[in-house]
Amino acid sequence: KEYLSGLSLDPNYQKAKVQLCTISKQAYEQELAIAGNFEKTSDFESALAHYSELKDFLQMLTQYNCLNFPTINVGQKITEMKSASSEKYYKLAEAAFVNEDYSNAIQHYKTALKFNTPYKDSTEKIAESFYRIAQKAESQKKFRLAANNYVNCSDTVKGYKDAPQKAVSLYYSLGKYFLTKGLCRNAYNDFNAANKINPDFKDLKVAMDEADTCSITKVAFVRIDNPTGRDIAGASMGDFIFDEIKSKIQQRKSRFIHVMDREELEAILGEQKLGMARITDEYSTFKTLKGVHYLLFGKLTQVNSTHKGPENKQFTTTGKQGYTCTKPDSKGQMREYLCFRDIKVSFTEVSESISVALAGSIKVLSVSSGEAVVVHSINSKKSDSVRYAEGFSESNVKLDPNIESLANAKKT
């Protein structure tokens, strides 16, 4: 292995080739003995690994013209070890199957198939094991477990017995049950599982539409009040925060959440002869509202902005200015060159900072009960600062890197 590693770095390394050829027969016999010992003790998987390694080794010897001795048919040995390994796990699976230990039977059949696919009736036996697990679960009224295993059965052998029909019937029944309980999302998920198997089953499409409609939770953003009267940089802070929250909810929401825009809410309020301005976080103002599940309100109690600067400081530094100069070359002829000289450069350093503090609260109210289901405090402070250089007295001057970075720094 070490000689082969050396040759992988330099295929023309002659000394490594010679040494590899010298010990190749002993190395082959050593690995063959290890594989044979595992085979004798019925550890066919370990034997398979060593025969596979031996096959790769012989291929490398052939590549470097070192295979100058007879060998066994390693490929045939690999085939035999795969068959022996499959048979070993198949027998374990059969024993588990007879003892009605179907979960372990499935695992052993699958392991048998790892070495040889197909192998005997392993695939069919896996399907039958799933089928029997499903039958037992169904008899115990564990309907979801039963449905899932009927699906596993059908996925293993497509259309195995009546597994697809049993699975779709169970999912449909579960969906109907949840629908009667008002658990619409659960109902939709089960109808959807049934739909994947057989979209034409009974009135499945109608049931799915019904579950879909009642599973949607509608959240309406009413407003965030800002009684402080203070805004920052001309931006309405209440609207700004609302837009931020809406954006985050839109990114993270599930398909069951519908965030209503202002026009939708106003349309619903108009239909029910309710005005947006009259809707407050008092239950009495929205308890008759239909078509919305939750209302979001907010209030800012603090909007504070502190702005320092700009502060200007004058500095003088030394820079290098380029100019054209004439001087003799190596042959004594006068030529023009780019020369540099030190000059004084004046500039202004500007520093400025701003900090913004917001405080308040947001609450989500249930339309059906008026209860505050979410109360979230706003208590946030952010700040930013800038420091940059401007107003240089000289242009086209090479400056110290620190001053160059100040000249290129952000200014807002």
Protein backbone atom coordinates (compact mmCIF):
# COMPACT_ATOMS: atom_id res chain seq x y z
CA LYS A 1 0.00 0.00 0.00
CA GLU A 2 2.83 2.41 0.79
CA TYR A 3 4.59 1.68 -2.51
CA LEU A 4 1.28 2.21 -4.33
CA SER A 5 0.82 5.49 -2.48
CA GLY A 6 4.26 6.59 -3.66
CA LEU A 7 3.46 5.61 -7.25
CA SER A 8 0.18 7.52 -7.11
CA LEU A 9 2.27 10.65 -6.46
CA ASP A 10 4.88 9.78 -9.10
CA PRO A 11 3.94 6.94 -11.53
CA ASN A 12 7.53 6.89 -12.86
CA TYR A 13 9.16 6.30 -9.47
CA GLN A 14 11.21 3.29 -10.58
CA LYS A 15 12.47 2.21 -7.14
CA ALA A 16 8.89 1.94 -5.83
CA LYS A 17 7.90 -0.13 -8.89
CA VAL A 18 10.76 -2.56 -8.32
CA GLN A 19 9.98 -2.96 -4.64
CA LEU A 20 6.24 -3.35 -5.34
CA CYS A 21 6.92 -6.16 -7.81
CA THR A 22 9.30 -7.82 -5.33
CA ILE A 23 6.73 -8.12 -2.50
CA SER A 24 3.49 -8.26 -4.55
CA LYS A 25 3.13 -12.08 -4.38
CA GLN A 26 3.59 -12.16 -0.60
CA ALA A 27 1.13 -9.28 -0.17
CA TYR A 28 -1.42 -11.09 -2.36
CA GLU A 29 -1.04 -14.33 -0.38
CA GLN A 30 -1.35 -12.48 2.93
CA GLU A 31 -4.60 -10.73 1.96
CA LEU A 32 -5.95 -13.95 0.43
CA ALA A 33 -5.30 -15.79 3.71
CA ILE A 34 -7.15 -13.11 5.71
CA ALA A 35 -10.15 -13.28 3.38
CA GLY A 36 -10.10 -17.09 3.49
CA ASN A 37 -10.09 -17.17 7.29
CA PHE A 38 -13.17 -14.94 7.43
CA GLU A 39 -14.87 -17.19 4.87
CA LYS A 40 -14.13 -20.31 6.94
CA THR A 41 -15.78 -18.77 10.01
CA SER A 42 -18.88 -17.80 7.93
CA ASP A 43 -18.13 -14.09 8.34
CA PHE A 44 -18.99 -13.59 4.70
CA GLU A 45 -19.30 -9.80 4.91
CA SER A 46 -15.73 -9.38 6.21
CA ALA A 47 -14.52 -11.91 3.65
CA LEU A 48 -16.30 -9.91 0.93
CA ALA A 49 -14.55 -6.71 2.03
CA HIS A 50 -11.11 -8.37 1.85
CA TYR A 51 -11.77 -10.09 -1.49
CA SER A 52 -12.88 -6.71 -2.86
CA GLU A 53 -9.70 -5.10 -1.57
CA LEU A 54 -7.70 -7.95 -3.12
CA LYS A 55 -9.39 -7.33 -6.48
CA ASP A 56 -8.39 -3.65 -6.38
CA PHE A 57 -4.84 -4.62 -5.41
CA LEU A 58 -4.51 -7.01 -8.37
CA GLN A 59 -5.77 -4.31 -10.73
CA MET A 60 -3.05 -1.96 -9.47
CA LEU A 61 -0.40 -4.68 -9.88
CA THR A 62 -1.55 -5.16 -13.48
CA GLN A 63 -1.29 -1.40 -14.07
CA TYR A 64 2.37 -1.39 -12.93
CA ASN A 65 3.22 -4.73 -14.68
CA CYS A 66 3.82 -6.50 -11.37
CA LEU A 67 1.28 -9.30 -11.73
CA ASN A 68 3.71 -12.09 -12.61
CA PHE A 69 2.17 -14.98 -10.63
CA PRO A 70 -1.05 -17.03 -10.88
CA THR A 71 -4.10 -15.93 -8.85
CA ILE A 72 -7.50 -17.30 -7.97
CA ASN A 73 -10.63 -15.96 -9.71
CA VAL A 74 -11.25 -13.12 -7.23
CA GLY A 75 -14.35 -11.92 -9.10
CA GLN A 76 -15.92 -15.35 -8.63
CA LYS A 77 -15.07 -15.27 -4.93
CA ILE A 78 -16.74 -11.86 -4.58
CA THR A 79 -19.88 -13.23 -6.23
CA GLU A 80 -19.85 -16.23 -3.88
CA MET A 81 -19.44 -14.02 -0.78
CA LYS A 82 -22.31 -11.78 -1.89
CA SER A 83 -24.55 -14.81 -2.36
CA ALA A 84 -23.47 -16.28 0.98
CA SER A 85 -24.14 -12.96 2.76
CA SER A 86 -27.56 -12.63 1.13
CA GLU A 87 -28.44 -16.20 2.10
CA LYS A 88 -27.31 -15.63 5.68
CA TYR A 89 -29.65 -12.63 6.12
CA TYR A 90 -32.43 -14.25 4.10
CA LYS A 91 -32.49 -17.16 6.57
CA LEU A 92 -32.62 -14.72 9.51
CA ALA A 93 -35.48 -12.90 7.79
CA GLU A 94 -37.38 -16.13 7.17
CA ALA A 95 -37.06 -17.12 10.82
CA ALA A 96 -38.36 -13.72 11.94
CA PHE A 97 -41.21 -13.91 9.41
CA VAL A 98 -42.32 -17.32 10.70
CA ASN A 99 -42.30 -15.91 14.25
CA GLU A 100 -44.43 -12.94 13.06
CA ASP A 101 -41.59 -10.55 13.94
CA TYR A 102 -42.26 -8.63 10.75
CA SER A 103 -40.24 -5.49 11.58
CA ASN A 104 -37.03 -7.50 12.01
CA ALA A 105 -37.92 -9.62 9.01
CA ILE A 106 -38.11 -6.47 6.87
CA GLN A 107 -34.67 -5.30 8.06
CA HIS A 108 -33.07 -8.70 7.34
CA TYR A 109 -34.69 -8.98 3.90
CA LYS A 110 -33.42 -5.48 3.09
CA THR A 111 -29.90 -6.43 4.21
CA ALA A 112 -30.04 -9.54 2.00
CA LEU A 113 -30.94 -7.27 -0.93
CA LYS A 114 -27.91 -5.05 -0.21
CA PHE A 115 -25.65 -7.83 -1.48
CA ASN A 116 -27.84 -9.08 -4.33
CA THR A 117 -30.82 -7.34 -5.94
CA PRO A 118 -33.04 -9.16 -6.53
CA TYR A 119 -32.54 -12.07 -4.15
CA LYS A 120 -35.10 -14.87 -4.13
CA ASP A 121 -38.50 -13.46 -3.03
CA SER A 122 -37.07 -10.89 -0.57
CA THR A 123 -38.88 -7.92 -2.13
CA GLU A 124 -42.26 -9.72 -2.09
CA LYS A 125 -41.67 -10.85 1.49
CA ILE A 126 -40.97 -7.23 2.52
CA ALA A 127 -44.26 -6.16 0.95
CA GLU A 128 -46.10 -8.99 2.70
CA SER A 129 -44.50 -8.06 6.04
CA PHE A 130 -45.70 -4.46 5.70
CA TYR A 131 -49.15 -5.78 4.75
CA ARG A 132 -49.39 -7.96 7.85
CA ILE A 133 -48.17 -5.13 10.12
CA ALA A 134 -50.91 -2.95 8.60
CA GLN A 135 -53.58 -5.64 9.10
CA LYS A 136 -52.66 -6.04 12.77
CA ALA A 137 -52.65 -2.25 13.31
CA GLU A 138 -56.05 -1.95 11.65
CA SER A 139 -57.51 -4.68 13.87
CA GLN A 140 -56.21 -2.71 16.89
CA LYS A 141 -57.83 0.50 15.55
CA LYS A 142 -54.42 2.07 14.96
CA PHE A 143 -55.65 3.41 11.67
CA ARG A 144 -52.83 5.83 10.80
CA LEU A 145 -50.18 3.20 11.47
CA ALA A 146 -52.17 0.81 9.31
CA ALA A 147 -52.53 3.33 6.47
CA ASN A 148 -48.82 4.17 6.53
CA ASN A 149 -47.84 0.51 6.33
CA TYR A 150 -50.27 -0.21 3.51
CA VAL A 151 -48.51 2.61 1.65
CA ASN A 152 -45.09 1.10 2.48
CA CYS A 153 -46.37 -2.21 1.17
CA SER A 154 -47.57 -0.69 -2.10
CA ASP A 155 -44.36 1.31 -2.49
CA THR A 156 -42.34 -1.92 -2.15
CA VAL A 157 -44.40 -3.87 -4.71
CA LYS A 158 -46.67 -1.57 -6.68
CA GLY A 159 -50.33 -2.43 -6.21
CA TYR A 160 -49.60 -5.32 -3.85
CA LYS A 161 -52.87 -7.10 -3.09
CA ASP A 162 -55.45 -4.47 -2.07
CA ALA A 163 -52.94 -2.31 -0.12
CA PRO A 164 -53.55 0.90 -2.13
CA GLN A 165 -57.35 0.63 -1.73
CA LYS A 166 -57.04 -0.02 2.01
CA ALA A 167 -54.61 2.91 2.46
CA VAL A 168 -56.76 5.43 0.59
CA SER A 169 -59.89 4.30 2.44
CA LEU A 170 -58.20 4.73 5.83
CA TYR A 171 -56.77 8.17 5.02
CA TYR A 172 -60.18 9.27 3.70
CA SER A 173 -61.91 8.08 6.89
CA LEU A 174 -59.35 9.84 9.07
CA GLY A 175 -59.88 13.04 7.09
CA LYS A 176 -63.66 12.82 7.49
CA TYR A 177 -63.29 12.26 11.24
CA PHE A 178 -61.07 15.32 11.69
CA LEU A 179 -63.41 17.39 9.53
CA THR A 180 -66.36 16.62 11.85
CA LYS A 181 -64.19 17.70 14.80
CA GLY A 182 -63.26 20.99 13.14
CA LEU A 183 -59.60 19.97 12.95
CA CYS A 184 -59.36 21.12 9.36
CA ARG A 185 -55.59 21.05 8.92
CA ASN A 186 -55.40 17.44 10.09
CA ALA A 187 -58.28 16.65 7.75
CA TYR A 188 -56.57 18.32 4.81
CA ASN A 189 -53.31 16.42 5.41
CA ASP A 190 -55.11 13.08 5.45
CA PHE A 191 -57.24 13.90 2.39
CA ASN A 192 -54.05 14.96 0.65
CA ALA A 193 -52.41 11.61 1.52
CA ALA A 194 -55.46 9.83 0.06
CA ASN A 195 -55.31 12.06 -3.03
CA LYS A 196 -51.74 10.98 -3.76
CA ILE A 197 -52.91 7.37 -3.97
CA ASN A 198 -56.25 7.76 -5.77
CA PRO A 199 -57.54 11.26 -6.65
CA ASP A 200 -60.85 9.80 -7.89
CA PHE A 201 -61.80 8.13 -4.61
CA LYS A 202 -65.43 8.89 -3.63
CA ASP A 203 -66.00 12.64 -3.06
CA LEU A 204 -62.35 13.23 -2.18
CA LYS A 205 -61.95 16.42 -4.22
CA VAL A 206 -65.00 18.03 -2.56
CA ALA A 207 -63.81 16.97 0.90
CA MET A 208 -60.30 18.35 0.20
CA ASP A 209 -61.73 21.71 -0.89
CA GLU A 210 -63.88 21.87 2.25
CA ALA A 211 -60.91 21.05 4.49
CA ASP A 212 -58.69 23.49 2.62
CA THR A 213 -61.17 26.34 3.03
CA CYS A 214 -61.69 25.85 6.75
CA SER A 215 -58.00 25.15 7.46
CA ILE A 216 -56.88 28.64 6.45
CA THR A 217 -56.24 31.03 9.33
CA LYS A 218 -56.75 34.65 8.27
CA VAL A 219 -54.70 37.29 10.05
CA ALA A 220 -55.49 40.96 9.50
CA PHE A 221 -53.05 43.75 10.31
CA VAL A 222 -55.15 46.67 11.58
CA ARG A 223 -52.59 49.30 12.64
CA ILE A 224 -49.81 50.30 14.97
CA ASP A 225 -50.64 53.54 16.76
CA ASN A 226 -47.89 56.04 17.46
CA PRO A 227 -49.29 58.44 20.07
CA THR A 228 -45.81 59.89 20.61
CA GLY A 229 -46.23 61.79 17.35
CA ARG A 230 -42.54 61.30 16.61
CA ASP A 231 -41.22 59.69 13.46
CA ILE A 232 -37.69 59.29 12.15
CA ALA A 233 -36.37 60.70 8.90
CA GLY A 234 -39.91 61.27 7.66
CA ALA A 235 -40.81 57.57 7.89
CA SER A 236 -44.03 56.52 9.59
CA MET A 237 -42.68 54.18 12.28
CA GLY A 238 -45.96 52.34 12.76
CA ASP A 239 -46.23 51.53 9.05
CA PHE A 240 -42.54 50.67 8.91
CA ILE A 241 -42.84 48.12 11.73
CA PHE A 242 -46.03 46.66 10.22
CA ASP A 243 -44.29 46.15 6.90
CA GLU A 244 -41.34 44.45 8.62
CA ILE A 245 -43.62 42.05 10.51
CA LYS A 246 -45.68 41.27 7.40
CA SER A 247 -42.55 40.55 5.41
CA LYS A 248 -41.19 38.14 8.05
CA ILE A 249 -44.53 36.34 8.38
CA GLN A 250 -44.84 35.97 4.60
CA GLN A 251 -41.38 34.38 4.48
CA ARG A 252 -41.98 31.93 7.33
CA LYS A 253 -45.70 31.16 7.24
CA SER A 254 -47.17 27.77 6.39
CA ARG A 255 -49.69 27.30 3.59
CA PHE A 256 -52.44 27.46 6.23
CA ILE A 257 -51.75 31.12 7.14
CA HIS A 258 -53.22 33.91 5.02
CA VAL A 259 -52.04 37.43 5.80
CA MET A 260 -54.76 39.80 4.62
CA ASP A 261 -53.75 43.05 2.99
CA ARG A 262 -55.44 46.31 3.87
CA GLU A 263 -57.75 46.25 0.85
CA GLU A 264 -59.06 42.77 1.78
CA LEU A 265 -59.78 43.84 5.35
CA GLU A 266 -61.50 47.06 4.22
CA ALA A 267 -63.65 45.06 1.78
CA ILE A 268 -64.78 42.68 4.56
CA LEU A 269 -65.46 45.59 6.91
CA GLY A 270 -67.43 47.35 4.17
CA GLU A 271 -69.59 44.27 3.52
CA GLN A 272 -70.44 44.11 7.23
CA LYS A 273 -70.92 47.88 7.50
CA LEU A 274 -67.96 48.31 9.84
CA GLY A 275 -65.39 51.06 9.46
CA MET A 276 -61.63 50.60 9.83
CA ALA A 277 -61.37 53.60 12.17
CA ARG A 278 -63.98 52.13 14.50
CA ILE A 279 -62.12 48.83 14.94
CA THR A 280 -59.97 48.99 18.07
CA ASP A 281 -58.40 46.42 20.36
CA GLU A 282 -61.58 46.49 22.47
CA TYR A 283 -63.57 43.29 21.86
CA SER A 284 -66.86 45.14 21.56
CA THR A 285 -65.67 46.82 18.34
CA PHE A 286 -65.01 43.60 16.38
CA LYS A 287 -66.91 40.75 18.06
CA THR A 288 -69.40 40.59 15.16
CA LEU A 289 -66.67 40.53 12.51
CA LYS A 290 -66.79 37.53 10.16
CA GLY A 291 -64.17 36.20 7.74
CA VAL A 292 -61.16 37.04 9.90
CA HIS A 293 -59.65 34.90 12.66
CA TYR A 294 -57.06 37.20 14.24
CA LEU A 295 -56.45 40.95 14.35
CA LEU A 296 -53.04 42.46 14.95
CA PHE A 297 -52.73 45.78 16.78
CA GLY A 298 -49.76 47.66 18.12
CA LYS A 299 -48.78 50.79 20.00
CA LEU A 300 -45.51 52.66 20.24
CA THR A 301 -44.78 54.28 23.60
CA GLN A 302 -41.31 55.57 22.71
CA VAL A 303 -39.78 56.79 19.47
CA ASN A 304 -36.48 58.45 20.17
CA SER A 305 -33.67 59.40 17.84
CA THR A 306 -30.31 60.83 18.95
CA HIS A 307 -28.11 62.34 16.28
CA LYS A 308 -24.55 63.41 17.02
CA GLY A 309 -22.50 65.39 14.55
CA PRO A 310 -21.33 65.90 12.03
CA GLU A 311 -18.10 66.80 13.80
CA ASN A 312 -15.26 68.11 11.61
CA LYS A 313 -11.56 67.98 12.46
CA GLN A 314 -8.81 69.42 10.31
CA PHE A 315 -5.62 67.40 9.69
CA THR A 316 -2.44 67.80 7.68
CA THR A 317 -0.41 64.87 6.44
CA THR A 318 2.37 64.12 3.97
CA GLY A 319 1.56 62.59 0.62
CA LYS A 320 3.59 61.62 -2.44
CA GLN A 321 2.82 63.50 -5.63
CA GLY A 322 3.92 62.20 -9.01
CA TYR A 323 5.57 64.47 -11.61
CA THR A 324 7.59 64.10 -14.81
CA CYS A 325 11.33 64.45 -14.37
CA THR A 326 14.30 64.19 -16.76
CA LYS A 327 17.48 62.29 -15.93
CA PRO A 328 20.14 60.29 -17.77
CA ASP A 329 19.67 56.59 -18.39
CA SER A 330 22.42 53.93 -18.15
CA LYS A 331 23.88 55.09 -21.48
CA GLY A 332 23.95 58.73 -20.45
CA GLN A 333 21.02 59.77 -22.62
CA MET A 334 18.43 62.09 -21.02
CA ARG A 335 15.01 60.49 -20.60
CA GLU A 336 11.72 61.37 -18.93
CA TYR A 337 10.72 59.41 -15.83
CA LEU A 338 7.85 59.47 -13.28
CA CYS A 339 9.26 60.86 -10.08
CA PHE A 340 7.67 61.46 -6.66
CA ARG A 341 8.01 64.23 -4.13
CA ASP A 342 6.63 64.74 -0.62
CA ILE A 343 3.95 67.42 -0.27
CA LYS A 344 1.68 68.57 2.53
CA VAL A 345 -1.98 67.56 2.17
CA SER A 346 -4.79 69.01 4.28
CA PHE A 347 -8.12 67.20 4.76
CA THR A 348 -11.20 67.18 6.95
CA GLU A 349 -12.13 64.13 9.07
CA VAL A 350 -15.90 63.89 9.59
CA SER A 351 -17.58 61.77 12.27
CA GLU A 352 -21.31 61.33 12.77
CA SER A 353 -23.59 58.91 14.66
CA ILE A 354 -27.27 58.19 15.12
CA SER A 355 -29.11 55.97 17.59
CA VAL A 356 -32.78 55.03 17.49
CA ALA A 357 -34.79 53.66 20.41
CA LEU A 358 -38.25 52.16 20.05
CA ALA A 359 -40.55 50.81 22.74
CA GLY A 360 -44.11 49.57 22.68
CA SER A 361 -46.11 46.39 22.22
CA ILE A 362 -47.87 44.28 19.63
CA LYS A 363 -50.79 41.99 20.36
CA VAL A 364 -52.78 39.50 18.35
CA LEU A 365 -56.46 39.20 19.31
CA SER A 366 -58.77 36.29 18.58
CA VAL A 367 -61.89 37.55 16.79
CA SER A 368 -63.98 34.71 18.23
CA SER A 369 -63.12 35.38 21.89
CA GLY A 370 -61.40 38.76 22.07
CA GLU A 371 -58.55 37.05 23.93
CA ALA A 372 -55.00 38.27 23.38
CA VAL A 373 -53.28 35.11 22.08
CA VAL A 374 -49.94 36.84 21.48
CA VAL A 375 -48.49 39.81 23.35
CA HIS A 376 -45.06 40.88 22.16
CA SER A 377 -43.04 43.73 23.64
CA ILE A 378 -41.04 46.05 21.43
CA ASN A 379 -37.86 47.24 23.10
CA SER A 380 -35.18 47.86 20.56
CA LYS A 381 -32.21 50.16 20.19
CA LYS A 382 -30.05 50.41 17.11
CA SER A 383 -27.18 52.68 16.27
CA ASP A 384 -24.82 53.46 13.44
CA SER A 385 -21.81 55.70 12.98
CA VAL A 386 -19.58 56.90 10.18
CA ARG A 387 -16.06 58.32 10.02
CA TYR A 388 -14.61 59.48 6.74
CA ALA A 389 -12.21 62.00 5.20
CA GLU A 390 -13.03 64.65 2.61
CA GLY A 391 -11.94 68.10 1.33
CA PHE A 392 -8.39 67.13 0.35
CA SER A 393 -6.29 70.17 -0.59
CA GLU A 394 -4.40 68.20 -3.24
CA SER A 395 -5.60 65.66 -5.81
CA ASN A 396 -3.76 62.78 -7.48
CA VAL A 397 -1.62 62.25 -4.41
CA LYS A 398 -0.63 58.91 -2.92
CA LEU A 399 -1.63 58.89 0.74
CA ASP A 400 -1.09 56.63 3.74
CA PRO A 401 -3.35 53.52 3.43
CA ASN A 402 -5.25 54.44 6.62
CA ILE A 403 -6.15 57.83 5.17
CA GLU A 404 -7.02 56.24 1.81
CA SER A 405 -9.48 53.95 3.60
CA LEU A 406 -11.03 56.96 5.36
CA ALA A 407 -11.40 58.72 2.01
CA ASN A 408 -13.27 55.65 0.63
CA ALA A 409 -15.37 54.98 3.76
CA LYS A 410 -19.17 55.23 3.65
CA LYS A 411 -20.44 58.73 4.27
CA THR A 412 -24.07 58.17 5.35
